[in-house]
């Protein structure tokens, strides 16, 4: 079969690229070895948010009396039903991609793809049967998997990755989560909320270490209040799985400790899926273990492109989708603007949620900016008080000379829904005073963005 474009992988980078390419008039084939939607829709972004929503509903039910609601009995989690709901949500989203492919006349080629010479992709199905398809352009969007550490090998039973963590047969009584990035923190929050005894281990001094330090410390305080055991500046040295419980040797600032748990969840990052897809044979250039591309995602091989987790950009679903769109627009002869990777939002869907974009306060200072910092706590927000969600704050950092928004850091209820305003503001080079003079609806959580900006300029009203 001959195509204008073949996309290998149907995650948020691959399927979005395919749809945009079809919109631009290209004949598109997508190679997928599992389910449409990739890890994000089937085993990542979407099903985890379903689990987290269940945890949030449980918290609401357990605190119903705070809202004047009387419930008979105690709210308890049904782990099996929670997992079933999560899998149902994922299946529904994957079927949605099937519909979109049919609507856009995109052909799905089931199997594992491998690049051959002359712009040919060989596809091997589950029975081992091989077929070939060719295209003028090929996008590699094979994504990534859970990364393994030498001293933290995953057996899929007692030492697991994120994929097994969302589909366990039964709820573990205890769990050690290694790594406190978005994945680790979200699972730690989920399991702790439904009653698992959780210890969160982080190698660096703060959890969610890429976030502003004030945000990290606030989330750590919230986690500890909820009963999470947190070990920062700590390293897992070994795991003994021979007994009923895993015995985990952890090097902490206080010395070596042995912790026991039913399950150890490794959330120490991801590894790109680059093996056995023809990278070496075709001579595609790598750099630090990722595919090297230009600003429009072309590799050193003409007609071959790469996007998403296999290149050296932020490993986020929305980044992969944006890269896919720009890549196919360039292929189709348009003139898209390259992505500004300094303006990519990051979100962590714990309770409280975390969202950020741009520089931290520390980074802005180190870069030599004279800055104005404004902060507005949700404890001073009318909407937050009414919602019973007063934890957290909005923090904004401005360049004192030009009024440019250098960074924004939010922690609190629903802040992942608020961060887009600040991404757009940075994209449009909006100044602090323009945000102050943009009337925000009352009462909303988003007013805190205006108030924090006003605080940076000494004009805050409600604080």
Protein backbone atom coordinates (compact mmCIF):
# COMPACT_ATOMS: atom_id res chain seq x y z
CA UNK A 1 0.00 0.00 0.00
CA UNK A 2 1.25 3.48 -0.89
CA UNK A 3 0.58 6.53 1.31
CA UNK A 4 1.56 10.16 1.42
CA UNK A 5 2.31 9.72 5.13
CA UNK A 6 2.77 6.76 7.46
CA UNK A 7 2.73 7.42 11.20
CA UNK A 8 4.25 4.74 13.43
CA UNK A 9 2.40 4.95 16.76
CA UNK A 10 -1.06 6.28 17.56
CA UNK A 11 -0.51 8.08 20.86
CA UNK A 12 -1.33 11.78 21.33
CA UNK A 13 1.50 12.67 18.96
CA UNK A 14 0.75 10.10 16.29
CA UNK A 15 -3.03 10.20 16.08
CA UNK A 16 -3.16 14.01 16.16
CA UNK A 17 -0.52 14.18 13.42
CA UNK A 18 -2.53 11.71 11.35
CA UNK A 19 -5.78 13.64 11.67
CA UNK A 20 -4.16 16.98 10.84
CA UNK A 21 -2.42 15.43 7.85
CA UNK A 22 -5.71 14.08 6.58
CA UNK A 23 -7.29 17.52 7.00
CA UNK A 24 -4.51 18.87 4.77
CA UNK A 25 -5.30 16.38 2.03
CA UNK A 26 -2.71 13.68 2.65
CA UNK A 27 -3.44 9.96 2.37
CA UNK A 28 -2.48 8.61 5.80
CA UNK A 29 -1.79 5.20 7.28
CA UNK A 30 -1.13 4.64 11.00
CA UNK A 31 0.77 1.65 12.34
CA UNK A 32 -0.27 0.61 15.86
CA UNK A 33 0.68 -2.57 17.73
CA UNK A 34 -1.89 -2.28 20.53
CA UNK A 35 -4.85 0.08 20.92
CA UNK A 36 -5.42 3.41 19.21
CA UNK A 37 -4.55 6.29 21.51
CA UNK A 38 -1.28 4.82 22.72
CA UNK A 39 -0.16 4.91 26.33
CA UNK A 40 -1.83 8.27 27.05
CA UNK A 41 -5.38 7.23 26.30
CA UNK A 42 -5.07 3.58 27.33
CA UNK A 43 -2.55 3.44 30.19
CA UNK A 44 -1.58 7.02 31.05
CA UNK A 45 -3.19 10.45 31.04
CA UNK A 46 -6.84 9.47 30.71
CA UNK A 47 -7.30 6.36 32.89
CA UNK A 48 -5.17 7.85 35.67
CA UNK A 49 -7.44 10.90 35.77
CA UNK A 50 -10.37 8.52 36.19
CA UNK A 51 -8.65 6.93 39.20
CA UNK A 52 -7.88 10.35 40.64
CA UNK A 53 -11.49 11.47 40.19
CA UNK A 54 -12.65 8.45 42.16
CA UNK A 55 -10.25 9.41 44.94
CA UNK A 56 -11.56 12.97 44.87
CA UNK A 57 -15.20 11.80 45.06
CA UNK A 58 -14.27 9.60 48.02
CA UNK A 59 -12.74 12.62 49.76
CA UNK A 60 -15.91 14.62 49.10
CA UNK A 61 -18.06 11.84 50.52
CA UNK A 62 -15.87 11.49 53.60
CA UNK A 63 -16.16 15.25 54.22
CA UNK A 64 -19.82 15.61 53.22
CA UNK A 65 -20.69 16.84 56.72
CA UNK A 66 -18.44 19.87 56.13
CA UNK A 67 -20.90 20.91 53.40
CA UNK A 68 -24.00 20.27 55.46
CA UNK A 69 -24.69 16.92 53.83
CA UNK A 70 -25.55 13.95 56.03
CA UNK A 71 -24.63 10.51 54.68
CA UNK A 72 -25.65 7.26 56.33
CA UNK A 73 -22.62 5.09 57.06
CA UNK A 74 -19.00 5.60 56.06
CA UNK A 75 -17.92 6.12 52.48
CA UNK A 76 -15.56 3.34 51.41
CA UNK A 77 -13.70 2.68 48.15
CA UNK A 78 -14.54 -0.32 45.97
CA UNK A 79 -11.16 -0.85 44.33
CA UNK A 80 -12.43 -3.26 41.70
CA UNK A 81 -15.18 -0.85 40.60
CA UNK A 82 -12.73 2.07 40.58
CA UNK A 83 -10.40 0.16 38.26
CA UNK A 84 -13.31 -1.03 36.10
CA UNK A 85 -14.50 2.56 35.66
CA UNK A 86 -10.98 3.67 34.71
CA UNK A 87 -10.65 0.92 32.10
CA UNK A 88 -14.08 1.79 30.72
CA UNK A 89 -13.11 5.43 30.32
CA UNK A 90 -9.91 4.40 28.51
CA UNK A 91 -11.78 2.01 26.21
CA UNK A 92 -14.28 4.73 25.35
CA UNK A 93 -11.53 7.17 24.44
CA UNK A 94 -9.77 4.59 22.26
CA UNK A 95 -13.04 3.92 20.42
CA UNK A 96 -13.30 7.68 19.95
CA UNK A 97 -10.00 7.65 18.05
CA UNK A 98 -11.33 4.82 15.88
CA UNK A 99 -14.30 7.05 15.01
CA UNK A 100 -12.05 10.02 14.23
CA UNK A 101 -9.85 7.86 11.98
CA UNK A 102 -12.90 6.60 10.09
CA UNK A 103 -14.26 10.15 9.80
CA UNK A 104 -10.93 11.39 8.40
CA UNK A 105 -10.39 8.34 6.14
CA UNK A 106 -7.22 7.29 7.97
CA UNK A 107 -6.21 3.64 7.57
CA UNK A 108 -5.05 1.67 10.59
CA UNK A 109 -2.35 -0.95 10.05
CA UNK A 110 -2.28 -3.30 13.05
CA UNK A 111 1.14 -4.58 14.06
CA UNK A 112 4.66 -3.51 14.98
CA UNK A 113 6.30 -1.19 12.48
CA UNK A 114 9.92 -1.21 11.37
CA UNK A 115 11.58 1.23 8.99
CA UNK A 116 13.27 -0.24 5.93
CA UNK A 117 15.12 1.53 3.13
CA UNK A 118 13.35 3.36 0.31
CA UNK A 119 10.68 4.77 2.61
CA UNK A 120 9.14 1.40 3.31
CA UNK A 121 7.62 0.34 6.64
CA UNK A 122 7.44 -3.36 7.42
CA UNK A 123 4.57 -4.30 9.74
CA UNK A 124 4.52 -7.54 11.72
CA UNK A 125 1.14 -8.55 13.17
CA UNK A 126 0.53 -10.62 16.32
CA UNK A 127 0.67 -13.87 14.33
CA UNK A 128 4.06 -12.93 12.88
CA UNK A 129 2.77 -12.19 9.39
CA UNK A 130 4.72 -9.42 7.66
CA UNK A 131 3.36 -6.83 5.24
CA UNK A 132 4.88 -3.71 3.75
CA UNK A 133 3.63 -0.19 3.12
CA UNK A 134 5.43 2.78 1.60
CA UNK A 135 5.11 6.54 1.94
CA UNK A 136 6.81 9.72 0.83
CA UNK A 137 6.98 10.75 4.49
CA UNK A 138 7.19 8.75 7.72
CA UNK A 139 6.68 10.05 11.26
CA UNK A 140 8.04 7.96 14.14
CA UNK A 141 5.82 8.48 17.19
CA UNK A 142 6.52 5.33 19.19
CA UNK A 143 6.41 6.98 22.63
CA UNK A 144 8.03 5.65 25.77
CA UNK A 145 7.73 3.15 28.60
CA UNK A 146 8.50 3.10 32.31
CA UNK A 147 12.23 3.44 32.91
CA UNK A 148 13.99 0.79 34.98
CA UNK A 149 16.87 1.44 37.36
CA UNK A 150 19.57 -1.24 37.84
CA UNK A 151 18.70 -1.56 41.53
CA UNK A 152 14.94 -1.35 40.95
CA UNK A 153 14.13 -4.00 38.36
CA UNK A 154 10.43 -4.38 37.63
CA UNK A 155 8.94 -7.87 37.79
CA UNK A 156 5.41 -6.63 37.09
CA UNK A 157 4.11 -8.27 40.28
CA UNK A 158 5.77 -6.81 43.35
CA UNK A 159 7.93 -4.16 41.70
CA UNK A 160 5.75 -2.49 39.11
CA UNK A 161 5.54 0.45 36.71
CA UNK A 162 2.68 2.87 36.08
CA UNK A 163 0.88 0.47 33.74
CA UNK A 164 0.44 -2.25 36.38
CA UNK A 165 -0.34 0.40 39.03
CA UNK A 166 -3.64 1.27 37.37
CA UNK A 167 -4.80 -2.29 36.85
CA UNK A 168 -3.92 -4.23 40.01
CA UNK A 169 -6.14 -7.19 40.87
CA UNK A 170 -6.58 -5.96 44.44
CA UNK A 171 -5.78 -2.90 46.48
CA UNK A 172 -2.44 -3.26 48.28
CA UNK A 173 -2.34 -2.55 51.99
CA UNK A 174 1.01 -0.80 51.60
CA UNK A 175 3.05 0.70 48.79
CA UNK A 176 6.38 2.43 48.32
CA UNK A 177 6.42 4.88 45.41
CA UNK A 178 9.88 5.73 44.09
CA UNK A 179 9.99 9.06 42.29
CA UNK A 180 7.80 12.09 43.02
CA UNK A 181 7.32 13.60 39.57
CA UNK A 182 3.79 13.88 38.21
CA UNK A 183 3.33 10.11 37.81
CA UNK A 184 4.71 9.18 41.23
CA UNK A 185 2.89 11.95 43.09
CA UNK A 186 -0.44 11.19 41.41
CA UNK A 187 -0.30 7.49 42.26
CA UNK A 188 0.90 8.25 45.79
CA UNK A 189 -2.08 10.58 46.26
CA UNK A 190 -4.55 8.09 44.75
CA UNK A 191 -3.50 5.06 46.76
CA UNK A 192 -3.10 7.01 49.98
CA UNK A 193 -6.60 8.48 49.59
CA UNK A 194 -8.27 5.09 49.14
CA UNK A 195 -6.54 3.73 52.24
CA UNK A 196 -3.21 2.20 51.18
CA UNK A 197 -0.28 3.04 53.44
CA UNK A 198 2.07 4.94 51.14
CA UNK A 199 5.71 6.00 51.41
CA UNK A 200 6.96 8.39 48.72
CA UNK A 201 10.71 8.36 48.05
CA UNK A 202 12.43 11.20 46.19
CA UNK A 203 16.13 11.45 45.31
CA UNK A 204 16.09 15.29 45.24
CA UNK A 205 15.44 17.62 48.21
CA UNK A 206 11.84 18.41 47.19
CA UNK A 207 8.93 16.43 45.78
CA UNK A 208 7.68 17.45 42.31
CA UNK A 209 11.26 18.74 41.94
CA UNK A 210 10.72 20.62 38.67
CA UNK A 211 8.20 22.94 40.32
CA UNK A 212 8.82 26.20 42.15
CA UNK A 213 10.16 25.44 45.62
CA UNK A 214 7.20 27.09 47.40
CA UNK A 215 4.81 24.88 45.45
CA UNK A 216 6.84 21.76 46.26
CA UNK A 217 6.88 22.52 49.98
CA UNK A 218 3.15 23.26 50.00
CA UNK A 219 2.31 19.97 48.29
CA UNK A 220 4.60 18.08 50.66
CA UNK A 221 2.84 19.67 53.63
CA UNK A 222 -0.54 18.68 52.20
CA UNK A 223 0.61 15.12 51.55
CA UNK A 224 1.97 14.73 55.07
CA UNK A 225 -1.28 16.11 56.51
CA UNK A 226 -3.12 13.41 54.54
CA UNK A 227 -0.93 10.72 56.10
CA UNK A 228 1.67 10.15 53.38
CA UNK A 229 5.17 9.24 54.57
CA UNK A 230 7.69 11.25 52.53
CA UNK A 231 11.42 10.63 52.26
CA UNK A 232 13.29 13.30 50.29
CA UNK A 233 17.02 13.37 49.51
CA UNK A 234 16.71 9.59 49.63
CA UNK A 235 17.77 6.73 47.36
CA UNK A 236 16.52 3.17 47.00
CA UNK A 237 19.60 0.96 47.18
CA UNK A 238 17.99 -2.47 46.85
CA UNK A 239 14.69 -4.34 46.88
CA UNK A 240 14.29 -7.86 48.28
CA UNK A 241 11.11 -9.48 46.91
CA UNK A 242 11.73 -12.99 48.27
CA UNK A 243 9.30 -12.67 51.17
CA UNK A 244 5.60 -11.85 51.44
CA UNK A 245 6.50 -8.16 51.67
CA UNK A 246 9.12 -6.28 49.67
CA UNK A 247 12.04 -5.21 51.83
CA UNK A 248 13.35 -1.92 50.48
CA UNK A 249 16.73 -0.59 51.60
CA UNK A 250 16.63 3.22 51.45
CA UNK A 251 19.54 5.58 52.02
CA UNK A 252 18.16 8.69 53.75
CA UNK A 253 19.77 11.80 55.28
CA UNK A 254 19.31 10.08 58.66
CA UNK A 255 21.04 6.91 57.52
CA UNK A 256 20.08 3.59 55.99
CA UNK A 257 16.52 2.40 56.61
CA UNK A 258 14.57 -0.76 55.75
CA UNK A 259 10.95 -0.23 54.71
CA UNK A 260 8.45 -2.97 53.93
CA UNK A 261 5.50 -2.87 51.55
CA UNK A 262 3.33 -5.17 49.45
CA UNK A 263 4.07 -3.24 46.28
CA UNK A 264 6.93 -1.04 45.08
CA UNK A 265 5.97 1.36 42.29
CA UNK A 266 8.87 2.63 40.21
CA UNK A 267 8.06 6.10 38.84
CA UNK A 268 11.57 7.30 38.03
CA UNK A 269 10.92 8.48 34.52
CA UNK A 270 10.52 6.99 31.07
CA UNK A 271 12.64 5.33 28.39
CA UNK A 272 11.98 5.98 24.67
CA UNK A 273 10.72 3.11 22.50
CA UNK A 274 13.51 3.07 19.91
CA UNK A 275 14.42 -0.61 19.82
CA UNK A 276 13.74 -2.82 16.78
CA UNK A 277 12.12 -0.14 14.63
CA UNK A 278 14.95 0.32 12.13
CA UNK A 279 16.68 3.30 13.75
CA UNK A 280 20.16 1.78 13.57
CA UNK A 281 19.74 0.14 10.16
CA UNK A 282 18.55 3.36 8.56
CA UNK A 283 21.29 5.42 10.24
CA UNK A 284 18.95 7.80 12.04
CA UNK A 285 21.05 10.05 14.25
CA UNK A 286 20.57 9.98 18.02
CA UNK A 287 21.65 12.47 20.65
CA UNK A 288 21.78 11.46 24.32
CA UNK A 289 19.50 8.52 23.66
CA UNK A 290 16.84 10.48 21.77
CA UNK A 291 16.25 11.00 18.06
CA UNK A 292 17.90 14.19 16.85
CA UNK A 293 15.54 16.44 14.84
CA UNK A 294 15.35 20.01 13.55
CA UNK A 295 12.70 22.54 14.61
CA UNK A 296 10.19 20.89 12.27
CA UNK A 297 11.05 17.35 13.50
CA UNK A 298 12.90 16.08 10.46
CA UNK A 299 15.66 13.59 11.20
CA UNK A 300 18.94 13.39 9.29
CA UNK A 301 17.16 11.06 6.85
CA UNK A 302 15.06 12.86 4.24
CA UNK A 303 11.35 12.17 4.62
CA UNK A 304 11.70 10.64 8.09
CA UNK A 305 10.46 12.61 11.10
CA UNK A 306 10.19 12.00 14.85
CA UNK A 307 7.93 13.52 17.52
CA UNK A 308 6.94 13.02 21.13
CA UNK A 309 8.75 11.11 23.86
CA UNK A 310 11.47 9.78 21.54
CA UNK A 311 12.96 13.27 20.98
CA UNK A 312 14.63 15.57 23.50
CA UNK A 313 11.61 17.73 24.36
CA UNK A 314 9.23 17.63 27.34
CA UNK A 315 7.63 14.18 27.57
CA UNK A 316 4.07 15.47 27.76
CA UNK A 317 1.01 14.48 25.74
CA UNK A 318 0.16 18.05 24.75
CA UNK A 319 3.72 18.62 23.59
CA UNK A 320 3.60 15.54 21.36
CA UNK A 321 0.28 16.67 19.87
CA UNK A 322 1.62 20.15 19.11
CA UNK A 323 4.75 18.65 17.55
CA UNK A 324 2.65 16.36 15.38
CA UNK A 325 0.56 19.25 14.05
CA UNK A 326 3.58 21.41 13.23
CA UNK A 327 5.39 18.47 11.64
CA UNK A 328 2.59 17.59 9.21
CA UNK A 329 1.86 21.23 8.40
CA UNK A 330 5.50 21.57 7.34
CA UNK A 331 5.26 18.34 5.33
CA UNK A 332 2.12 19.68 3.61
CA UNK A 333 3.96 22.82 2.50
CA UNK A 334 2.65 25.25 5.08
CA UNK A 335 4.83 27.60 7.11
CA UNK A 336 4.09 26.87 10.79
CA UNK A 337 5.83 28.63 13.66
CA UNK A 338 8.16 26.41 15.70
CA UNK A 339 7.08 25.59 19.25
CA UNK A 340 8.30 27.83 22.07
CA UNK A 341 9.38 25.17 24.53
CA UNK A 342 9.80 27.78 27.25
CA UNK A 343 6.03 28.24 27.25
CA UNK A 344 4.86 24.68 27.84
CA UNK A 345 2.49 24.17 30.80
CA UNK A 346 3.03 21.32 33.24
CA UNK A 347 0.26 19.82 35.37
CA UNK A 348 0.12 17.38 38.28
CA UNK A 349 -3.38 16.14 39.14
CA UNK A 350 -3.03 15.51 42.85
CA UNK A 351 -5.18 17.18 45.50
CA UNK A 352 -4.28 20.01 45.61
CA UNK A 353 -3.45 20.20 41.91
CA UNK A 354 -0.22 21.74 40.63
CA UNK A 355 0.19 23.73 37.40
CA UNK A 356 3.00 25.90 36.11
CA UNK A 357 4.51 27.56 33.09
CA UNK A 358 7.76 29.43 32.50
CA UNK A 359 10.53 30.21 34.95
CA UNK A 360 10.56 29.51 38.66
CA UNK A 361 11.52 32.39 40.95
CA UNK A 362 14.94 30.83 41.48
CA UNK A 363 15.54 30.41 37.73
CA UNK A 364 14.49 33.99 36.99
CA UNK A 365 16.94 35.32 39.57
CA UNK A 366 19.73 33.09 38.29
CA UNK A 367 19.05 34.37 34.76
CA UNK A 368 19.74 37.90 36.01
CA UNK A 369 16.23 39.34 35.82
CA UNK A 370 15.12 42.12 38.15
CA UNK A 371 11.77 40.62 39.12
CA UNK A 372 8.46 41.45 40.71
CA UNK A 373 6.81 38.51 42.49
CA UNK A 374 3.14 38.43 43.39
CA UNK A 375 1.35 35.78 45.39
CA UNK A 376 -2.31 35.38 46.26
CA UNK A 377 -3.50 32.61 48.63
CA UNK A 378 -6.75 30.80 47.96
CA UNK A 379 -7.57 31.31 51.63
CA UNK A 380 -8.42 34.89 50.59
CA UNK A 381 -10.60 33.76 47.66
CA UNK A 382 -14.37 33.85 48.07
CA UNK A 383 -14.93 31.06 45.57
CA UNK A 384 -12.29 28.87 47.22
CA UNK A 385 -13.88 29.40 50.62
CA UNK A 386 -17.33 28.55 49.29
CA UNK A 387 -15.94 25.44 47.62
CA UNK A 388 -14.09 24.35 50.76
CA UNK A 389 -10.82 24.45 48.83
CA UNK A 390 -8.73 27.12 50.53
CA UNK A 391 -5.37 25.34 50.29
CA UNK A 392 -2.77 26.72 47.88
CA UNK A 393 -1.98 29.91 46.02
CA UNK A 394 -1.16 31.55 42.71
CA UNK A 395 2.37 32.90 42.30
CA UNK A 396 3.44 35.03 39.35
CA UNK A 397 6.88 36.34 38.41
CA UNK A 398 7.30 39.45 36.23
CA UNK A 399 10.26 41.17 34.68
CA UNK A 400 10.37 44.50 36.55
CA UNK A 401 11.75 46.36 33.52
CA UNK A 402 9.29 45.40 30.79
CA UNK A 403 6.39 43.82 32.69
CA UNK A 404 6.82 40.47 30.90
CA UNK A 405 5.32 37.45 32.63
CA UNK A 406 8.34 35.23 33.23
CA UNK A 407 6.59 32.42 35.06
CA UNK A 408 3.48 31.33 36.93
CA UNK A 409 3.09 28.65 39.58
CA UNK A 410 -0.24 27.48 40.92
CA UNK A 411 -1.26 24.97 43.57
CA UNK A 412 -4.85 24.43 44.58
CA UNK A 413 -8.19 23.06 43.44
CA UNK A 414 -8.72 23.03 39.66
CA UNK A 415 -5.56 25.03 38.89
CA UNK A 416 -4.84 22.73 35.94
CA UNK A 417 -7.91 24.34 34.34
CA UNK A 418 -6.53 27.84 35.04
CA UNK A 419 -2.99 27.61 33.71
CA UNK A 420 -3.99 28.09 30.04
CA UNK A 421 -4.78 31.77 30.70
CA UNK A 422 -1.17 32.30 31.70
CA UNK A 423 0.17 30.29 28.75
CA UNK A 424 -1.82 32.52 26.37
CA UNK A 425 -0.70 35.65 28.25
CA UNK A 426 2.95 34.66 27.81
CA UNK A 427 2.40 33.74 24.17
CA UNK A 428 0.91 37.17 23.49
CA UNK A 429 3.63 38.91 25.57
CA UNK A 430 0.96 40.32 27.84
CA UNK A 431 2.18 42.66 30.58
CA UNK A 432 1.26 42.58 34.24
CA UNK A 433 -0.90 45.69 34.03
CA UNK A 434 -2.83 44.25 31.09
CA UNK A 435 -3.75 41.26 33.25
CA UNK A 436 -4.71 43.51 36.16
CA UNK A 437 -6.99 45.53 33.87
CA UNK A 438 -8.56 42.41 32.32
CA UNK A 439 -11.78 42.00 34.28
CA UNK A 440 -12.01 38.51 35.77
CA UNK A 441 -15.43 37.06 36.71
CA UNK A 442 -16.41 36.99 40.36
CA UNK A 443 -16.48 34.70 42.22
CA UNK A 444 -13.97 32.40 40.51
CA UNK A 445 -10.70 30.73 41.39
CA UNK A 446 -9.20 32.48 38.36
CA UNK A 447 -9.50 35.85 40.09
CA UNK A 448 -6.43 34.77 42.03
CA UNK A 449 -4.36 35.26 38.84
CA UNK A 450 -5.44 38.90 38.64
CA UNK A 451 -4.95 39.39 42.39
CA UNK A 452 -1.49 37.79 42.40
CA UNK A 453 -0.47 40.05 39.53
CA UNK A 454 -1.85 43.05 41.39
CA UNK A 455 0.15 41.95 44.44
CA UNK A 456 3.35 42.00 42.34
CA UNK A 457 2.65 45.68 41.54
CA UNK A 458 1.42 46.70 44.99
CA UNK A 459 -2.18 47.02 43.88
CA UNK A 460 -3.81 43.92 45.41
CA UNK A 461 -7.34 44.54 46.76
CA UNK A 462 -8.36 41.43 48.69
CA UNK A 463 -5.21 40.74 50.66
